[in-house]
Amino acid sequence: MLEHLHIGRASDLARPSDRRLYRFFEMVPGLLAWGTLILVFVGSYYTPGYAALFIILFDIYWLVKTTYLSFHLRYGYVQARRNMKINWLEKIETRDIYHLVILPTYKEDIAVIRDSLDGLVKSNYPKDRMIVVLAQEERAGSDHNNFIKNALESEFKNIFFAFSSVQHPDVIAGELAGKGANVTWACKQVLRNTIDLPRGKAGEKRIPHDRVIVSVFDIDTVVYPEYFGILTHAFLTTPNPLRASYQPVPFFVNNIWDAPALARIVAFSSTFWQTIQQARPENLITFSSHSMPLQAVMDIGFWQTNMVSEDSRVFWQCLLRYDGDYRVVPLYYPVSLDANLDKTFFKTMVSVYKQHRRWGYGAENVPYYLFGFLKNKKIALGKKLFYALAVGEGYWSWATNAIMLFVLGWLPGFIGGSHFNSSVLSFNQTQFTNIAMRLAMLALLTPAIMSFFILPPRPAHASRWRYIPMILQWLLFPITTIFFGAIPGLEAQTRLMLGRYMGFWVTPKYRRSTSQYTNESKSTNKEHPNIQMDPNLRIGDGE
């Protein structure tokens, strides 16, 4: 069964029947998305009455779903703010839990990496229980890697229980160049050189595996002070903690003041969607920066090295390995990451699109868990059906909902013909679509207000007038949700459907306020902004 945990695509399977089945499952997300959009278009021309009824039902579904999700957003947000005011270290009875933090990096500027490391240093957890590894890529070049390694090891090596830099070889057979391969290599090196080193005459391991929590952080992740405290508390109080991952809320706000309006909307939307997911733990899947037991990582044979979305795939690996006995525990506590930003507006928009296309390619998990569910007879049927429908609906919604709401909702009236346009159904469908769109824009008031409370302090170079576009930017939401949500998601599913598999694309990290760019590793300035949100922050703070 372990070999099935590392399937990257249909061609990895030995049996022809398994390959055909897996290949069909790879096509399912794209077929459902395109089938829906084509049926709405064709139905609007040939059977406009049925198409109008479908659109009305869809509008009702969307409004109910939006109302439901808005309650979860407010709940998740309130819980996160409450948890940020608590000293979690005081609530921990034992501090004999070690934290292994893996920071995968590829050509990022040293100041971006140092910000992440400074967040670890300032965290409220004993540093002699923290193992930090900088996971570099050989393909980044020896000059860049040696500069980063020498500068940061000399600065941080005496702060933590252990601090090291490891370099993932450029070419290993069967690997896809990406984060999964990098963190797997780094974790194995730390096991060999730190955690599993024998101690004493009995030769027992230096650190028991069941006392180590692994946190894999994107390189721009800055932890808030109580992150490891609340993570440790959750680990010690969760029933069967070795069968759970632990998910913080990613706040994409590190450089939010420098990002253009379209990029800000996308960043806030991603933040609020993950906040909603915290309040729906039954739907929660690991995403981006998260933490999990080292024992679980070893039981599944480490992260997959042959696919793109390793951050969510690792959950499915564990769910199948433990016969359904695995879950994600929401921490209701944030970590901060960068909003998408590049040197120019055009490059920023391309970066936003490519990042969300990569996230949308998480649809590669659909064939993985469907195939795994068929092979694993020990997982309860109800759990299989729940995940198949809930996660499948999520990817379907991602690729179709915005297009149907803001574009296709008008099709029956445009192409349905004069006979349909003079009918009562046509009038009612148009009115209902109008109401749905107005309520959709009204629903943006909640995230628009909340966005002010998660803003980091306004930097000196940003005018006070910047608060005005921070409000007006939400009028751009229909544009962002179509062009940086639905379309890249649809493209990703289409690529998977056609067998045009994607590789891992590294998001550029650019901080305009400090003129740092990922491909220019020149800065050694230690005076940089450490981004930490005051849990009592109100609009206008940080002036």
Protein backbone atom coordinates (compact mmCIF):
# COMPACT_ATOMS: atom_id res chain seq x y z
CA MET A 1 0.00 0.00 0.00
CA LEU A 2 2.90 2.39 0.69
CA GLU A 3 3.78 2.59 -3.01
CA HIS A 4 0.25 3.85 -3.71
CA LEU A 5 0.92 6.79 -1.39
CA HIS A 6 3.47 8.22 -3.83
CA ILE A 7 1.54 8.24 -7.09
CA GLY A 8 2.17 11.46 -9.00
CA ARG A 9 0.21 10.75 -12.17
CA ALA A 10 -1.36 7.84 -14.04
CA SER A 11 1.91 6.80 -15.71
CA ASP A 12 3.41 5.98 -12.28
CA LEU A 13 1.17 2.94 -11.97
CA ALA A 14 2.38 -0.44 -13.20
CA ARG A 15 -0.92 -2.14 -14.07
CA PRO A 16 -2.60 -0.92 -17.30
CA SER A 17 -6.06 -1.12 -15.71
CA ASP A 18 -4.91 1.06 -12.81
CA ARG A 19 -3.37 3.56 -15.22
CA ARG A 20 -6.60 3.82 -17.21
CA LEU A 21 -8.68 4.25 -14.05
CA TYR A 22 -6.35 6.88 -12.60
CA ARG A 23 -6.23 8.69 -15.93
CA PHE A 24 -10.04 8.85 -15.96
CA PHE A 25 -10.03 10.29 -12.44
CA GLU A 26 -7.53 12.93 -13.61
CA MET A 27 -10.08 14.03 -16.18
CA VAL A 28 -13.02 14.25 -13.77
CA PRO A 29 -12.49 17.82 -12.39
CA GLY A 30 -12.04 19.31 -15.88
CA LEU A 31 -14.95 17.33 -17.33
CA LEU A 32 -17.29 18.53 -14.59
CA ALA A 33 -16.22 22.16 -14.92
CA TRP A 34 -16.31 22.33 -18.72
CA GLY A 35 -19.46 20.21 -18.84
CA THR A 36 -21.26 22.72 -16.61
CA LEU A 37 -20.16 25.78 -18.59
CA ILE A 38 -20.92 24.19 -21.97
CA LEU A 39 -24.33 22.97 -20.85
CA VAL A 40 -25.27 26.46 -19.64
CA PHE A 41 -24.16 27.96 -22.95
CA VAL A 42 -25.79 25.34 -25.19
CA GLY A 43 -28.89 25.17 -23.02
CA SER A 44 -29.31 28.95 -23.19
CA TYR A 45 -29.58 28.67 -26.97
CA TYR A 46 -31.60 25.49 -27.45
CA THR A 47 -33.60 25.28 -24.21
CA PRO A 48 -33.45 28.76 -22.62
CA GLY A 49 -36.28 27.95 -20.22
CA TYR A 50 -34.39 25.06 -18.63
CA ALA A 51 -31.17 27.08 -18.63
CA ALA A 52 -32.96 29.94 -16.86
CA LEU A 53 -34.33 27.57 -14.22
CA PHE A 54 -30.83 26.17 -13.69
CA ILE A 55 -29.38 29.66 -13.29
CA ILE A 56 -32.10 30.61 -10.78
CA LEU A 57 -31.36 27.46 -8.77
CA PHE A 58 -27.65 28.22 -8.99
CA ASP A 59 -28.22 31.78 -7.75
CA ILE A 60 -30.16 30.41 -4.76
CA TYR A 61 -27.40 27.89 -4.07
CA TRP A 62 -24.76 30.62 -4.29
CA LEU A 63 -26.61 33.01 -1.97
CA VAL A 64 -27.19 30.31 0.65
CA LYS A 65 -23.55 29.25 0.42
CA THR A 66 -22.33 32.85 0.69
CA THR A 67 -24.45 33.48 3.79
CA TYR A 68 -23.23 30.24 5.33
CA LEU A 69 -19.58 31.06 4.63
CA SER A 70 -19.90 34.64 5.93
CA PHE A 71 -20.88 33.34 9.37
CA HIS A 72 -17.85 31.06 9.36
CA LEU A 73 -15.61 33.95 8.32
CA ARG A 74 -16.70 36.07 11.27
CA TYR A 75 -16.37 33.15 13.67
CA GLY A 76 -12.89 32.20 12.45
CA TYR A 77 -11.73 35.81 12.57
CA VAL A 78 -13.00 36.37 16.12
CA GLN A 79 -11.35 33.16 17.31
CA ALA A 80 -8.04 34.13 15.75
CA ARG A 81 -8.04 37.57 17.39
CA ARG A 82 -8.93 36.02 20.74
CA ASN A 83 -6.11 33.48 20.50
CA MET A 84 -3.57 36.17 19.66
CA LYS A 85 -4.12 37.78 23.07
CA ILE A 86 -3.28 34.61 25.04
CA ASN A 87 0.13 33.61 26.36
CA TRP A 88 -0.04 29.99 25.25
CA LEU A 89 3.32 29.07 26.73
CA GLU A 90 1.84 29.55 30.19
CA LYS A 91 -0.82 26.96 29.40
CA ILE A 92 1.66 24.24 28.49
CA GLU A 93 2.40 21.80 31.30
CA THR A 94 5.43 20.25 29.61
CA ARG A 95 7.82 21.88 27.20
CA ASP A 96 9.54 18.69 26.12
CA ILE A 97 8.18 19.05 22.59
CA TYR A 98 10.69 19.81 19.85
CA HIS A 99 9.83 21.84 16.76
CA LEU A 100 11.56 21.11 13.48
CA VAL A 101 11.10 24.08 11.15
CA ILE A 102 11.93 23.54 7.48
CA LEU A 103 12.29 26.65 5.31
CA PRO A 104 12.52 25.71 1.61
CA THR A 105 14.17 28.45 -0.40
CA TYR A 106 15.07 29.10 -4.02
CA LYS A 107 16.92 32.32 -4.92
CA GLU A 108 15.03 34.47 -2.39
CA ASP A 109 16.68 37.62 -1.11
CA ILE A 110 18.49 37.26 2.18
CA ALA A 111 16.28 39.88 3.84
CA VAL A 112 13.15 37.82 3.06
CA ILE A 113 14.75 34.77 4.69
CA ARG A 114 16.02 36.77 7.64
CA ASP A 115 12.54 38.14 8.31
CA SER A 116 11.28 34.57 8.64
CA LEU A 117 14.15 33.60 10.92
CA ASP A 118 13.67 36.70 13.06
CA GLY A 119 10.05 35.68 13.56
CA LEU A 120 11.26 32.33 14.91
CA VAL A 121 13.74 34.06 17.23
CA LYS A 122 11.05 36.37 18.62
CA SER A 123 8.54 33.58 19.13
CA ASN A 124 7.54 32.79 22.69
CA TYR A 125 8.93 29.26 22.85
CA PRO A 126 12.22 27.86 24.22
CA LYS A 127 14.80 28.08 21.46
CA ASP A 128 16.61 25.00 22.83
CA ARG A 129 13.58 23.04 21.65
CA MET A 130 13.68 24.36 18.08
CA ILE A 131 15.56 22.82 15.15
CA VAL A 132 15.71 25.05 12.09
CA VAL A 133 16.88 23.97 8.66
CA LEU A 134 17.25 26.16 5.61
CA ALA A 135 16.46 23.90 2.64
CA GLN A 136 18.32 25.24 -0.37
CA GLU A 137 18.22 24.10 -3.99
CA GLU A 138 21.46 23.25 -5.79
CA ARG A 139 19.98 24.70 -8.98
CA ALA A 140 19.92 28.15 -7.35
CA GLY A 141 23.68 28.29 -7.87
CA SER A 142 26.63 27.89 -5.53
CA ASP A 143 27.36 31.62 -5.29
CA HIS A 144 23.86 32.45 -4.08
CA ASN A 145 23.59 29.43 -1.76
CA ASN A 146 27.00 29.93 -0.17
CA PHE A 147 26.29 33.60 0.44
CA ILE A 148 22.98 32.80 2.17
CA LYS A 149 24.44 29.85 4.09
CA ASN A 150 27.51 31.68 5.41
CA ALA A 151 25.67 34.85 6.35
CA LEU A 152 22.75 33.20 8.16
CA GLU A 153 24.54 30.29 9.84
CA SER A 154 26.95 32.68 11.51
CA GLU A 155 24.02 34.79 12.68
CA PHE A 156 21.60 32.09 13.92
CA LYS A 157 23.55 28.91 14.63
CA ASN A 158 23.92 29.60 18.37
CA ILE A 159 20.30 30.61 18.95
CA PHE A 160 18.43 27.34 18.37
CA PHE A 161 18.97 23.75 19.48
CA ALA A 162 20.28 23.28 15.96
CA PHE A 163 20.47 25.44 12.86
CA SER A 164 21.75 24.21 9.53
CA SER A 165 21.60 24.69 5.78
CA VAL A 166 21.23 21.72 3.47
CA GLN A 167 21.32 21.66 -0.31
CA HIS A 168 18.94 19.52 -2.34
CA PRO A 169 20.74 18.00 -5.37
CA ASP A 170 19.57 19.30 -8.72
CA VAL A 171 18.83 16.03 -10.48
CA ILE A 172 17.43 12.98 -8.70
CA ALA A 173 15.70 10.35 -10.83
CA GLY A 174 11.91 10.41 -10.55
CA GLU A 175 11.71 13.81 -8.85
CA LEU A 176 9.88 16.91 -9.99
CA ALA A 177 11.81 20.10 -9.23
CA GLY A 178 9.74 21.63 -6.46
CA LYS A 179 9.03 22.09 -2.80
CA GLY A 180 8.11 18.47 -2.01
CA ALA A 181 11.46 17.10 -3.16
CA ASN A 182 13.32 19.86 -1.34
CA VAL A 183 11.67 19.43 2.06
CA THR A 184 11.90 15.63 1.88
CA TRP A 185 15.65 15.85 1.32
CA ALA A 186 16.02 18.40 4.13
CA CYS A 187 14.00 16.35 6.61
CA LYS A 188 16.04 13.23 5.93
CA GLN A 189 19.27 15.15 6.46
CA VAL A 190 18.09 16.55 9.79
CA LEU A 191 16.99 13.10 10.93
CA ARG A 192 20.37 11.67 10.13
CA ASN A 193 22.51 14.50 11.45
CA THR A 194 20.54 15.80 14.42
CA ILE A 195 17.43 13.96 15.59
CA ASP A 196 18.63 10.35 15.22
CA LEU A 197 22.16 10.85 16.50
CA PRO A 198 22.67 8.29 19.30
CA ARG A 199 23.17 9.47 22.85
CA GLY A 200 24.45 7.58 25.86
CA LYS A 201 25.74 4.03 26.00
CA ALA A 202 22.35 2.49 25.23
CA GLY A 203 22.39 4.12 21.78
CA GLU A 204 18.85 5.47 22.01
CA LYS A 205 17.88 8.21 19.62
CA ARG A 206 18.74 11.74 20.62
CA ILE A 207 15.16 12.99 20.25
CA PRO A 208 12.11 10.64 20.19
CA HIS A 209 10.20 10.99 16.94
CA ASP A 210 6.85 11.23 18.71
CA ARG A 211 8.03 14.38 20.50
CA VAL A 212 8.86 16.29 17.31
CA ILE A 213 6.44 18.50 15.35
CA VAL A 214 7.50 19.44 11.81
CA SER A 215 6.53 22.85 10.45
CA VAL A 216 7.09 23.36 6.73
CA PHE A 217 6.91 27.09 6.08
CA ASP A 218 7.00 28.97 2.81
CA ILE A 219 10.12 31.09 2.93
CA ASP A 220 8.19 34.37 3.36
CA THR A 221 6.31 33.04 6.42
CA VAL A 222 6.68 35.18 9.54
CA VAL A 223 5.26 33.54 12.65
CA TYR A 224 3.45 35.56 15.28
CA PRO A 225 4.86 35.32 18.82
CA GLU A 226 2.55 32.63 20.22
CA TYR A 227 2.49 30.32 17.22
CA PHE A 228 4.61 27.52 18.68
CA GLY A 229 2.88 27.93 22.02
CA ILE A 230 -0.61 27.39 20.60
CA LEU A 231 0.71 24.66 18.30
CA THR A 232 2.27 22.79 21.24
CA HIS A 233 -0.87 23.28 23.33
CA ALA A 234 -3.01 21.88 20.51
CA PHE A 235 -0.67 18.91 20.12
CA LEU A 236 -0.77 18.11 23.84
CA THR A 237 -4.55 18.44 24.16
CA THR A 238 -5.71 16.84 20.90
CA PRO A 239 -6.83 13.22 21.24
CA ASN A 240 -4.36 10.96 19.41
CA PRO A 241 -2.20 13.95 18.36
CA LEU A 242 0.05 11.87 16.10
CA ARG A 243 -2.91 11.42 13.75
CA ALA A 244 -3.45 15.10 13.03
CA SER A 245 -1.94 18.02 11.15
CA TYR A 246 -2.17 21.53 12.58
CA GLN A 247 -3.17 24.42 10.33
CA PRO A 248 -2.70 28.16 11.03
CA VAL A 249 -4.45 30.92 9.11
CA PRO A 250 -2.21 32.41 6.39
CA PHE A 251 -2.45 36.21 6.38
CA PHE A 252 -1.01 37.42 3.05
CA VAL A 253 -0.10 40.87 4.35
CA ASN A 254 3.68 41.16 4.72
CA ASN A 255 4.02 43.58 1.82
CA ILE A 256 0.35 44.45 1.38
CA TRP A 257 0.94 48.22 1.46
CA ASP A 258 3.14 47.98 -1.64
CA ALA A 259 0.91 45.65 -3.66
CA PRO A 260 -1.46 47.06 -6.33
CA ALA A 261 -5.20 46.95 -5.68
CA LEU A 262 -5.90 43.83 -7.75
CA ALA A 263 -3.14 41.91 -5.96
CA ARG A 264 -4.42 43.14 -2.58
CA ILE A 265 -7.94 41.90 -3.29
CA VAL A 266 -6.60 38.48 -4.27
CA ALA A 267 -4.39 38.36 -1.16
CA PHE A 268 -7.23 39.31 1.19
CA SER A 269 -9.60 36.89 -0.55
CA SER A 270 -7.12 34.04 -0.02
CA THR A 271 -6.71 35.06 3.63
CA PHE A 272 -10.44 35.13 4.27
CA TRP A 273 -11.08 31.84 2.47
CA GLN A 274 -8.55 30.11 4.72
CA THR A 275 -10.15 31.81 7.74
CA ILE A 276 -13.49 30.34 6.67
CA GLN A 277 -11.91 26.90 6.37
CA GLN A 278 -10.71 27.10 9.99
CA ALA A 279 -14.33 27.25 11.08
CA ARG A 280 -15.13 24.16 9.01
CA PRO A 281 -12.63 21.62 10.38
CA GLU A 282 -14.43 18.75 8.69
CA ASN A 283 -13.47 20.35 5.34
CA LEU A 284 -10.02 21.54 6.37
CA ILE A 285 -7.08 20.33 4.28
CA THR A 286 -3.46 21.28 4.90
CA PHE A 287 -2.41 24.34 2.89
CA SER A 288 0.80 26.30 2.44
CA SER A 289 2.59 26.74 5.80
CA HIS A 290 1.43 24.15 8.35
CA SER A 291 2.66 21.69 10.98
CA MET A 292 2.40 17.94 11.54
CA PRO A 293 4.00 15.16 13.63
CA LEU A 294 7.38 13.89 12.49
CA GLN A 295 6.15 10.35 13.11
CA ALA A 296 3.37 10.81 10.55
CA VAL A 297 5.85 12.21 8.02
CA MET A 298 8.01 9.12 8.42
CA ASP A 299 5.05 6.71 8.34
CA ILE A 300 4.01 7.94 4.88
CA GLY A 301 7.55 7.83 3.50
CA PHE A 302 7.90 11.64 3.60
CA TRP A 303 6.39 14.17 1.20
CA GLN A 304 5.91 13.23 -2.41
CA THR A 305 8.75 14.30 -4.64
CA ASN A 306 6.96 13.87 -7.98
CA MET A 307 4.04 16.33 -7.91
CA VAL A 308 3.17 20.01 -7.42
CA SER A 309 0.76 20.44 -4.50
CA GLU A 310 2.69 18.68 -1.74
CA ASP A 311 1.20 20.92 0.96
CA SER A 312 -2.28 19.43 0.50
CA ARG A 313 -1.16 16.03 -0.82
CA VAL A 314 0.53 15.22 2.49
CA PHE A 315 -2.90 15.21 4.16
CA TRP A 316 -4.26 12.68 1.67
CA GLN A 317 -1.14 10.54 2.11
CA CYS A 318 -1.80 10.42 5.85
CA LEU A 319 -5.54 9.81 5.46
CA LEU A 320 -4.88 6.77 3.27
CA ARG A 321 -1.95 5.51 5.34
CA TYR A 322 -4.00 5.55 8.55
CA ASP A 323 -7.16 4.11 6.97
CA GLY A 324 -9.14 7.32 7.36
CA ASP A 325 -7.98 8.04 10.92
CA TYR A 326 -6.38 11.41 10.24
CA ARG A 327 -7.61 14.99 10.40
CA VAL A 328 -6.53 18.62 10.34
CA VAL A 329 -6.85 20.60 13.58
CA PRO A 330 -7.50 24.34 13.06
CA LEU A 331 -5.28 26.54 15.21
CA TYR A 332 -7.30 29.76 14.76
CA TYR A 333 -3.97 31.56 14.82
CA PRO A 334 -2.23 33.39 11.97
CA VAL A 335 1.12 33.35 10.27
CA SER A 336 1.88 36.14 7.82
CA LEU A 337 3.07 35.74 4.24
CA ASP A 338 3.65 37.99 1.25
CA ALA A 339 0.99 39.23 -1.11
CA ASN A 340 1.96 38.75 -4.73
CA LEU A 341 4.21 41.58 -5.84
CA ASP A 342 6.77 41.89 -8.62
CA LYS A 343 8.81 44.69 -10.15
CA THR A 344 6.04 45.97 -12.43
CA PHE A 345 2.26 45.91 -12.45
CA PHE A 346 2.19 43.55 -15.44
CA LYS A 347 4.66 41.13 -13.84
CA THR A 348 2.63 41.24 -10.64
CA MET A 349 -0.55 40.28 -12.48
CA VAL A 350 1.26 37.42 -14.23
CA SER A 351 2.59 36.28 -10.86
CA VAL A 352 -0.87 36.40 -9.27
CA TYR A 353 -2.30 34.37 -12.14
CA LYS A 354 0.47 31.74 -12.07
CA GLN A 355 0.28 31.33 -8.31
CA HIS A 356 -3.46 30.69 -8.39
CA ARG A 357 -3.07 28.37 -11.34
CA ARG A 358 -0.60 26.39 -9.24
CA TRP A 359 -3.02 26.37 -6.32
CA GLY A 360 -5.80 25.33 -8.70
CA TYR A 361 -3.62 22.45 -9.81
CA GLY A 362 -4.34 21.01 -6.40
CA ALA A 363 -7.09 19.27 -8.38
CA GLU A 364 -4.41 16.63 -8.96
CA ASN A 365 -5.41 15.41 -5.49
CA VAL A 366 -8.87 14.41 -6.76
CA PRO A 367 -7.67 11.40 -8.76
CA TYR A 368 -5.26 10.57 -5.95
CA TYR A 369 -7.89 10.24 -3.23
CA LEU A 370 -10.52 8.70 -5.51
CA PHE A 371 -8.07 6.00 -6.56
CA GLY A 372 -6.90 5.59 -2.96
CA PHE A 373 -10.46 5.22 -1.70
CA LEU A 374 -11.10 2.42 -4.16
CA LYS A 375 -7.94 0.59 -3.11
CA ASN A 376 -8.35 1.10 0.65
CA LYS A 377 -11.32 -0.92 1.88
CA LYS A 378 -10.77 0.01 5.54
CA ILE A 379 -11.89 3.62 5.24
CA ALA A 380 -15.57 4.08 6.09
CA LEU A 381 -17.83 4.58 3.08
CA GLY A 382 -19.41 7.67 4.62
CA LYS A 383 -16.01 9.34 4.99
CA LYS A 384 -15.11 8.47 1.40
CA LEU A 385 -18.35 9.97 0.09
CA PHE A 386 -17.99 13.09 2.21
CA TYR A 387 -14.48 13.89 1.00
CA ALA A 388 -15.25 12.94 -2.60
CA LEU A 389 -18.25 15.29 -2.71
CA ALA A 390 -17.02 18.12 -0.47
CA VAL A 391 -13.58 18.49 -2.02
CA GLY A 392 -14.86 17.81 -5.52
CA GLU A 393 -17.51 20.51 -5.10
CA GLY A 394 -14.79 22.91 -3.98
CA TYR A 395 -12.79 22.50 -7.19
CA TRP A 396 -15.95 22.65 -9.30
CA SER A 397 -16.99 25.88 -7.59
CA TRP A 398 -13.50 27.32 -8.01
CA ALA A 399 -13.57 26.93 -11.78
CA THR A 400 -17.23 27.71 -12.52
CA ASN A 401 -19.10 29.77 -9.94
CA ALA A 402 -17.73 33.23 -10.67
CA ILE A 403 -18.13 32.74 -14.41
CA MET A 404 -21.73 31.59 -14.02
CA LEU A 405 -22.63 34.36 -11.58
CA PHE A 406 -21.06 37.33 -13.36
CA VAL A 407 -21.07 36.19 -17.01
CA LEU A 408 -23.30 33.26 -17.93
CA GLY A 409 -26.23 34.39 -15.80
CA TRP A 410 -27.26 36.68 -18.64
CA LEU A 411 -26.96 34.17 -21.47
CA PRO A 412 -30.60 32.97 -21.74
CA GLY A 413 -31.75 36.53 -22.30
CA PHE A 414 -29.04 37.24 -24.88
CA ILE A 415 -29.26 34.12 -27.01
CA GLY A 416 -32.58 32.56 -25.98
CA GLY A 417 -34.57 34.19 -28.77
CA SER A 418 -37.50 36.64 -28.86
CA HIS A 419 -40.07 34.08 -27.76
CA PHE A 420 -38.19 33.34 -24.53
CA ASN A 421 -37.36 37.00 -23.90
CA SER A 422 -41.05 37.90 -23.86
CA SER A 423 -41.83 35.23 -21.24
CA VAL A 424 -42.39 35.74 -17.51
CA LEU A 425 -39.57 33.28 -16.78
CA SER A 426 -37.09 35.41 -18.71
CA PHE A 427 -38.11 38.50 -16.73
CA ASN A 428 -37.92 36.67 -13.40
CA GLN A 429 -34.56 35.10 -14.21
CA THR A 430 -33.08 38.48 -15.13
CA GLN A 431 -34.44 40.07 -11.97
CA PHE A 432 -33.17 37.22 -9.83
CA THR A 433 -29.70 37.44 -11.36
CA ASN A 434 -29.67 41.19 -10.69
CA ILE A 435 -30.61 40.62 -7.06
CA ALA A 436 -27.97 37.88 -6.69
CA MET A 437 -25.23 40.17 -8.02
CA ARG A 438 -26.26 43.05 -5.75
CA LEU A 439 -26.31 40.79 -2.72
CA ALA A 440 -22.95 39.41 -3.79
CA MET A 441 -21.46 42.89 -3.71
CA LEU A 442 -23.21 43.66 -0.42
CA ALA A 443 -21.64 40.52 1.07
CA LEU A 444 -18.24 42.10 0.46
CA LEU A 445 -18.83 44.55 3.33
CA THR A 446 -17.69 41.96 5.88
CA PRO A 447 -14.29 41.18 4.30
CA ALA A 448 -13.83 44.86 3.40
CA ILE A 449 -14.16 45.86 7.05
CA MET A 450 -12.11 42.92 8.32
CA SER A 451 -9.27 43.72 5.94
CA PHE A 452 -8.52 46.86 7.94
CA PHE A 453 -8.08 44.90 11.14
CA ILE A 454 -5.43 42.59 9.71
CA LEU A 455 -3.43 45.33 8.02
CA PRO A 456 0.10 45.66 9.43
CA PRO A 457 1.03 49.19 10.57
CA ARG A 458 1.18 51.68 7.72
CA PRO A 459 4.85 52.14 6.67
CA ALA A 460 6.31 55.63 6.55
CA HIS A 461 6.49 55.67 2.75
CA ALA A 462 2.73 55.02 2.39
CA SER A 463 0.45 58.06 2.44
CA ARG A 464 -2.54 58.27 4.77
CA TRP A 465 -4.62 58.57 1.61
CA ARG A 466 -3.83 54.90 0.87
CA TYR A 467 -6.70 53.96 3.17
CA ILE A 468 -9.18 55.22 0.57
CA PRO A 469 -8.20 52.77 -2.18
CA MET A 470 -8.11 50.08 0.52
CA ILE A 471 -11.90 50.57 0.69
CA LEU A 472 -12.66 51.17 -3.00
CA GLN A 473 -10.55 48.19 -4.09
CA TRP A 474 -13.37 45.78 -3.24
CA LEU A 475 -15.33 47.05 -6.25
CA LEU A 476 -12.75 45.11 -8.29
CA PHE A 477 -13.77 41.81 -6.70
CA PRO A 478 -15.77 40.52 -9.72
CA ILE A 479 -12.68 41.05 -11.90
CA THR A 480 -10.29 39.28 -9.53
CA THR A 481 -12.60 36.37 -8.80
CA ILE A 482 -12.99 35.68 -12.54
CA PHE A 483 -9.52 36.42 -13.93
CA PHE A 484 -7.43 35.39 -10.92
CA GLY A 485 -9.72 32.72 -9.53
CA ALA A 486 -11.99 30.91 -11.95
CA ILE A 487 -9.87 31.16 -15.11
CA PRO A 488 -6.55 29.95 -13.64
CA GLY A 489 -8.45 27.24 -11.77
CA LEU A 490 -10.16 26.19 -15.01
CA GLU A 491 -6.84 26.20 -16.87
CA ALA A 492 -5.23 24.01 -14.21
CA GLN A 493 -8.07 21.49 -14.37
CA THR A 494 -7.97 21.55 -18.16
CA ARG A 495 -4.24 20.80 -18.18
CA LEU A 496 -4.83 17.87 -15.85
CA MET A 497 -7.74 16.67 -17.98
CA LEU A 498 -5.64 16.74 -21.16
CA GLY A 499 -2.58 15.21 -19.54
CA ARG A 500 -0.53 18.40 -19.96
CA TYR A 501 0.90 18.15 -16.49
CA MET A 502 2.25 21.22 -14.73
CA GLY A 503 5.58 21.69 -12.99
CA PHE A 504 6.22 23.63 -9.80
CA TRP A 505 6.33 27.40 -10.28
CA VAL A 506 8.14 29.44 -7.60
CA THR A 507 6.35 32.67 -6.68
CA PRO A 508 8.72 35.69 -6.79
CA LYS A 509 9.20 37.50 -3.47
CA TYR A 510 9.56 41.24 -3.89
CA ARG A 511 9.51 43.91 -1.21
CA ARG A 512 9.25 47.29 -2.93
CA SER A 513 9.77 49.29 0.26
CA THR A 514 13.25 47.81 0.71
CA SER A 515 14.04 47.30 -3.00
CA GLN A 516 14.61 43.60 -2.49
CA TYR A 517 14.08 41.17 -5.31
CA THR A 518 14.44 37.44 -5.17
CA ASN A 519 17.02 37.22 -7.94
CA GLU A 520 19.23 39.90 -6.41
CA SER A 521 20.78 38.44 -3.27
CA LYS A 522 22.89 41.47 -2.45
CA SER A 523 21.39 42.97 0.68
CA THR A 524 23.04 42.27 4.03
CA ASN A 525 21.21 45.03 5.86
CA LYS A 526 19.88 43.74 9.19
CA GLU A 527 17.64 46.76 9.72
CA HIS A 528 14.46 45.48 8.16
CA PRO A 529 10.80 45.60 9.14
CA ASN A 530 9.65 42.68 11.25
CA ILE A 531 5.98 42.35 10.44
CA GLN A 532 3.88 41.53 13.48
CA MET A 533 0.21 42.38 13.85
CA ASP A 534 -0.95 43.86 17.13
CA PRO A 535 -3.96 41.76 18.23
CA ASN A 536 -5.56 44.96 19.51
CA LEU A 537 -5.04 46.75 16.19
CA ARG A 538 -7.74 49.14 15.06
CA ILE A 539 -8.11 51.25 11.95
CA GLY A 540 -5.53 54.02 12.04
CA ASP A 541 -3.08 52.26 14.37
CA GLY A 542 0.58 52.23 13.48
CA GLU A 543 0.61 55.87 12.42
